[in-house]
Amino acid sequence: MKAGSKLKSAVDDTEVMVIKAPAGGTVSCGGAPMGDDKPAKKAEIDPAHADGTKMGKRYTDAAGTIELLCIKPGKGSLALDGVALLLKDAKPLPSSD
């Protein structure tokens, strides 16, 4: 996995673009590993990983080692090595005093 690559979910329509990639690890969506291509048959979504993704939003882990941009939303939620990724907050703009 490297910055600029696209990952596709094996369980739903979710697609993400890698903005920042860790040295290793497995990105999953809906409890199933994501890959470069969509599988011929979709797997079942794990109910524990069914919070959904939102288009145009960025997802990261608590340490900030990975950042993914959702380019196609779906029903599954994103995780890195089984740990759920968090929705990244927008940085506040500086005040114009």
Protein backbone atom coordinates (compact mmCIF):
# COMPACT_ATOMS: atom_id res chain seq x y z
CA MET A 1 0.00 0.00 0.00
CA LYS A 2 1.35 3.40 -0.96
CA ALA A 3 0.07 6.97 -1.10
CA GLY A 4 -2.11 7.58 -4.16
CA SER A 5 -3.33 4.00 -4.51
CA LYS A 6 -7.03 3.10 -4.43
CA LEU A 7 -8.50 0.33 -2.30
CA LYS A 8 -11.87 -1.32 -2.90
CA SER A 9 -14.09 -3.09 -0.41
CA ALA A 10 -14.94 -6.79 -0.72
CA VAL A 11 -18.30 -6.35 1.06
CA ASP A 12 -19.88 -3.15 -0.29
CA ASP A 13 -19.32 -0.18 -2.63
CA THR A 14 -16.72 1.58 -0.46
CA GLU A 15 -13.62 2.86 -2.25
CA VAL A 16 -10.83 4.87 -0.64
CA MET A 17 -7.69 6.64 -1.80
CA VAL A 18 -4.59 6.26 0.37
CA ILE A 19 -3.32 9.71 1.41
CA LYS A 20 -0.79 8.56 4.03
CA ALA A 21 0.29 4.95 4.36
CA PRO A 22 1.92 3.07 7.24
CA ALA A 23 4.91 0.78 6.73
CA GLY A 24 2.68 -2.27 7.13
CA GLY A 25 -0.78 -3.36 8.09
CA THR A 26 -4.04 -4.50 6.55
CA VAL A 27 -6.89 -2.10 5.79
CA SER A 28 -10.34 -3.63 6.04
CA CYS A 29 -13.88 -2.50 5.37
CA GLY A 30 -16.89 -4.22 6.90
CA GLY A 31 -14.56 -6.77 8.50
CA ALA A 32 -12.98 -7.95 5.19
CA PRO A 33 -9.58 -6.90 3.79
CA MET A 34 -9.65 -4.27 1.03
CA GLY A 35 -7.82 -4.81 -2.27
CA ASP A 36 -6.94 -3.24 -5.61
CA ASP A 37 -9.88 -4.92 -7.38
CA LYS A 38 -13.47 -5.71 -6.48
CA PRO A 39 -14.16 -9.43 -6.05
CA ALA A 40 -16.61 -11.18 -8.37
CA LYS A 41 -18.87 -11.98 -5.40
CA LYS A 42 -19.24 -9.71 -2.36
CA ALA A 43 -18.65 -11.11 1.12
CA GLU A 44 -20.97 -10.51 4.06
CA ILE A 45 -20.51 -7.39 6.20
CA ASP A 46 -19.51 -8.09 9.81
CA PRO A 47 -22.21 -6.37 11.93
CA ALA A 48 -19.49 -5.11 14.30
CA HIS A 49 -17.96 -3.21 11.35
CA ALA A 50 -21.10 -1.76 9.76
CA ASP A 51 -21.00 1.92 10.77
CA GLY A 52 -20.61 3.09 7.17
CA THR A 53 -18.32 5.52 5.36
CA LYS A 54 -19.05 9.02 4.07
CA MET A 55 -17.92 10.34 0.72
CA GLY A 56 -15.29 13.08 0.82
CA LYS A 57 -14.37 12.38 4.44
CA ARG A 58 -10.91 11.41 5.67
CA TYR A 59 -10.31 8.53 8.08
CA THR A 60 -7.25 8.08 10.29
CA ASP A 61 -6.05 6.08 13.27
CA ALA A 62 -5.38 7.56 16.71
CA ALA A 63 -1.62 7.75 16.06
CA GLY A 64 -2.05 9.38 12.65
CA THR A 65 -0.04 6.70 10.83
CA ILE A 66 -2.66 6.23 8.11
CA GLU A 67 -5.04 8.57 6.30
CA LEU A 68 -7.69 7.44 3.82
CA LEU A 69 -10.01 9.60 1.70
CA CYS A 70 -13.40 8.03 0.99
CA ILE A 71 -14.16 8.43 -2.73
CA LYS A 72 -17.18 6.11 -2.79
CA PRO A 73 -19.33 5.53 0.34
CA GLY A 74 -20.66 2.24 1.62
CA LYS A 75 -22.18 0.45 4.61
CA GLY A 76 -18.96 -1.03 6.04
CA SER A 77 -16.63 0.83 8.39
CA LEU A 78 -12.86 1.11 7.93
CA ALA A 79 -10.20 -0.46 10.14
CA LEU A 80 -6.42 -0.95 10.19
CA ASP A 81 -5.37 -4.36 11.55
CA GLY A 82 -8.80 -4.73 13.18
CA VAL A 83 -8.73 -1.33 14.93
CA ALA A 84 -11.47 1.02 13.75
CA LEU A 85 -10.39 4.19 11.95
CA LEU A 86 -11.74 7.52 13.13
CA LEU A 87 -13.31 10.31 11.11
CA LYS A 88 -10.67 13.04 10.83
CA ASP A 89 -11.75 16.44 12.12
CA ALA A 90 -11.31 19.53 9.98
CA LYS A 91 -8.62 21.93 11.14
CA PRO A 92 -10.06 25.22 12.37
CA LEU A 93 -9.20 28.26 10.28
CA PRO A 94 -7.15 30.99 11.94
CA SER A 95 -9.08 33.96 13.21
CA SER A 96 -8.97 37.15 11.14
CA ASP A 97 -8.56 39.67 13.93
